Amino acid sequence: MMFNTLLYAKKLEEVGVPRNQAEAQVQIIAEIIEGDLATKHDIKDLKDEMQKLEYRLIIKLGALVTAIIASAVVILKIH
């Protein structure tokens, strides 16, 4: 949902808020909203980065498991 700045300003004016104050409030709220909300693009980028991290983790865990198994095999052959 997008923030409709014009509609918000008009509603403020309808209840008696002077136009310059209504516009200032709308500007402040719009800046807060735009600065803190993630866009669909932001979320897609985050998902892509998380997937890359997941693949790296799987590779590292696979290497660790392989090293543990190889160590166990060597230890068992020695004994």
C-alpha atoms as a PDB file:
ATOM      1  CA  MET A   1       0.000   0.000   0.000  1.00  0.00           C
ATOM      2  CA  MET A   2       1.369   3.400  -0.971  1.00  0.00           C
ATOM      3  CA  PHE A   3       0.986   6.436   1.230  1.00  0.00           C
ATOM      4  CA  ASN A   4      -1.282   8.908  -0.560  1.00  0.00           C
ATOM      5  CA  THR A   5       0.236  12.243   0.430  1.00  0.00           C
ATOM      6  CA  LEU A   6      -2.296  14.367  -1.425  1.00  0.00           C
ATOM      7  CA  LEU A   7      -5.280  12.624   0.165  1.00  0.00           C
ATOM      8  CA  TYR A   8      -3.698  12.884   3.616  1.00  0.00           C
ATOM      9  CA  ALA A   9      -3.033  16.620   3.203  1.00  0.00           C
ATOM     10  CA  LYS A  10      -6.591  17.225   1.978  1.00  0.00           C
ATOM     11  CA  LYS A  11      -8.050  15.385   4.966  1.00  0.00           C
ATOM     12  CA  LEU A  12      -5.926  17.451   7.336  1.00  0.00           C
ATOM     13  CA  GLU A  13      -7.135  20.647   5.649  1.00  0.00           C
ATOM     14  CA  GLU A  14     -10.757  19.451   5.856  1.00  0.00           C
ATOM     15  CA  VAL A  15     -10.490  19.255   9.649  1.00  0.00           C
ATOM     16  CA  GLY A  16      -8.985  22.720   9.929  1.00  0.00           C
ATOM     17  CA  VAL A  17      -5.249  22.214   9.721  1.00  0.00           C
ATOM     18  CA  PRO A  18      -3.692  25.126   7.778  1.00  0.00           C
ATOM     19  CA  ARG A  19      -2.359  24.128   4.369  1.00  0.00           C
ATOM     20  CA  ASN A  20       1.308  24.831   5.187  1.00  0.00           C
ATOM     21  CA  GLN A  21       1.091  22.702   8.348  1.00  0.00           C
ATOM     22  CA  ALA A  22      -0.709  19.912   6.503  1.00  0.00           C
ATOM     23  CA  GLU A  23       1.970  19.890   3.806  1.00  0.00           C
ATOM     24  CA  ALA A  24       4.742  19.852   6.413  1.00  0.00           C
ATOM     25  CA  GLN A  25       3.144  16.918   8.238  1.00  0.00           C
ATOM     26  CA  VAL A  26       2.704  15.004   5.000  1.00  0.00           C
ATOM     27  CA  GLN A  27       6.318  15.620   4.004  1.00  0.00           C
ATOM     28  CA  ILE A  28       7.627  14.441   7.377  1.00  0.00           C
ATOM     29  CA  ILE A  29       5.484  11.297   7.392  1.00  0.00           C
ATOM     30  CA  ALA A  30       6.381  10.468   3.782  1.00  0.00           C
ATOM     31  CA  GLU A  31      10.107  10.784   4.566  1.00  0.00           C
ATOM     32  CA  ILE A  32       9.751   8.505   7.586  1.00  0.00           C
ATOM     33  CA  ILE A  33       7.799   5.903   5.632  1.00  0.00           C
ATOM     34  CA  GLU A  34      10.098   5.971   2.603  1.00  0.00           C
ATOM     35  CA  GLY A  35      13.191   5.726   4.780  1.00  0.00           C
ATOM     36  CA  ASP A  36      12.065   2.741   6.844  1.00  0.00           C
ATOM     37  CA  LEU A  37      10.032   0.516   4.548  1.00  0.00           C
ATOM     38  CA  ALA A  38      11.604  -2.202   2.454  1.00  0.00           C
ATOM     39  CA  THR A  39      10.631  -2.328  -1.198  1.00  0.00           C
ATOM     40  CA  LYS A  40       9.909  -5.516  -3.120  1.00  0.00           C
ATOM     41  CA  HIS A  41      13.336  -5.070  -4.697  1.00  0.00           C
ATOM     42  CA  ASP A  42      14.967  -4.834  -1.245  1.00  0.00           C
ATOM     43  CA  ILE A  43      13.255  -8.058  -0.169  1.00  0.00           C
ATOM     44  CA  LYS A  44      14.263  -9.862  -3.382  1.00  0.00           C
ATOM     45  CA  ASP A  45      17.880  -8.770  -2.886  1.00  0.00           C
ATOM     46  CA  LEU A  46      17.762 -10.008   0.701  1.00  0.00           C
ATOM     47  CA  LYS A  47      16.323 -13.370  -0.366  1.00  0.00           C
ATOM     48  CA  ASP A  48      19.041 -13.734  -3.011  1.00  0.00           C
ATOM     49  CA  GLU A  49      21.762 -12.939  -0.469  1.00  0.00           C
ATOM     50  CA  MET A  50      20.292 -15.390   2.034  1.00  0.00           C
ATOM     51  CA  GLN A  51      20.246 -18.106  -0.623  1.00  0.00           C
ATOM     52  CA  LYS A  52      23.915 -17.461  -1.415  1.00  0.00           C
ATOM     53  CA  LEU A  53      24.753 -17.691   2.282  1.00  0.00           C
ATOM     54  CA  GLU A  54      22.773 -20.922   2.562  1.00  0.00           C
ATOM     55  CA  TYR A  55      24.748 -22.481  -0.310  1.00  0.00           C
ATOM     56  CA  ARG A  56      28.036 -21.407   1.270  1.00  0.00           C
ATOM     57  CA  LEU A  57      26.970 -22.893   4.588  1.00  0.00           C
ATOM     58  CA  ILE A  58      25.975 -26.188   2.958  1.00  0.00           C
ATOM     59  CA  ILE A  59      29.356 -26.397   1.222  1.00  0.00           C
ATOM     60  CA  LYS A  60      31.238 -25.668   4.448  1.00  0.00           C
ATOM     61  CA  LEU A  61      29.193 -28.192   6.419  1.00  0.00           C
ATOM     62  CA  GLY A  62      29.733 -30.778   3.698  1.00  0.00           C
ATOM     63  CA  ALA A  63      33.474 -30.202   3.843  1.00  0.00           C
ATOM     64  CA  LEU A  64      33.413 -30.491   7.641  1.00  0.00           C
ATOM     65  CA  VAL A  65      31.459 -33.754   7.573  1.00  0.00           C
ATOM     66  CA  THR A  66      33.841 -35.148   4.950  1.00  0.00           C
ATOM     67  CA  ALA A  67      36.856 -34.200   7.080  1.00  0.00           C
ATOM     68  CA  ILE A  68      35.315 -35.841  10.164  1.00  0.00           C
ATOM     69  CA  ILE A  69      34.556 -39.042   8.272  1.00  0.00           C
ATOM     70  CA  ALA A  70      38.036 -39.111   6.751  1.00  0.00           C
ATOM     71  CA  SER A  71      39.582 -38.590  10.195  1.00  0.00           C
ATOM     72  CA  ALA A  72      37.456 -41.398  11.651  1.00  0.00           C
ATOM     73  CA  VAL A  73      38.523 -43.745   8.854  1.00  0.00           C
ATOM     74  CA  VAL A  74      42.203 -42.952   9.441  1.00  0.00           C
ATOM     75  CA  ILE A  75      41.850 -43.432  13.201  1.00  0.00           C
ATOM     76  CA  LEU A  76      40.050 -46.749  12.755  1.00  0.00           C
ATOM     77  CA  LYS A  77      42.704 -48.036  10.332  1.00  0.00           C
ATOM     78  CA  ILE A  78      45.471 -47.189  12.812  1.00  0.00           C
ATOM     79  CA  HIS A  79      43.827 -49.194  15.567  1.00  0.00           C
END
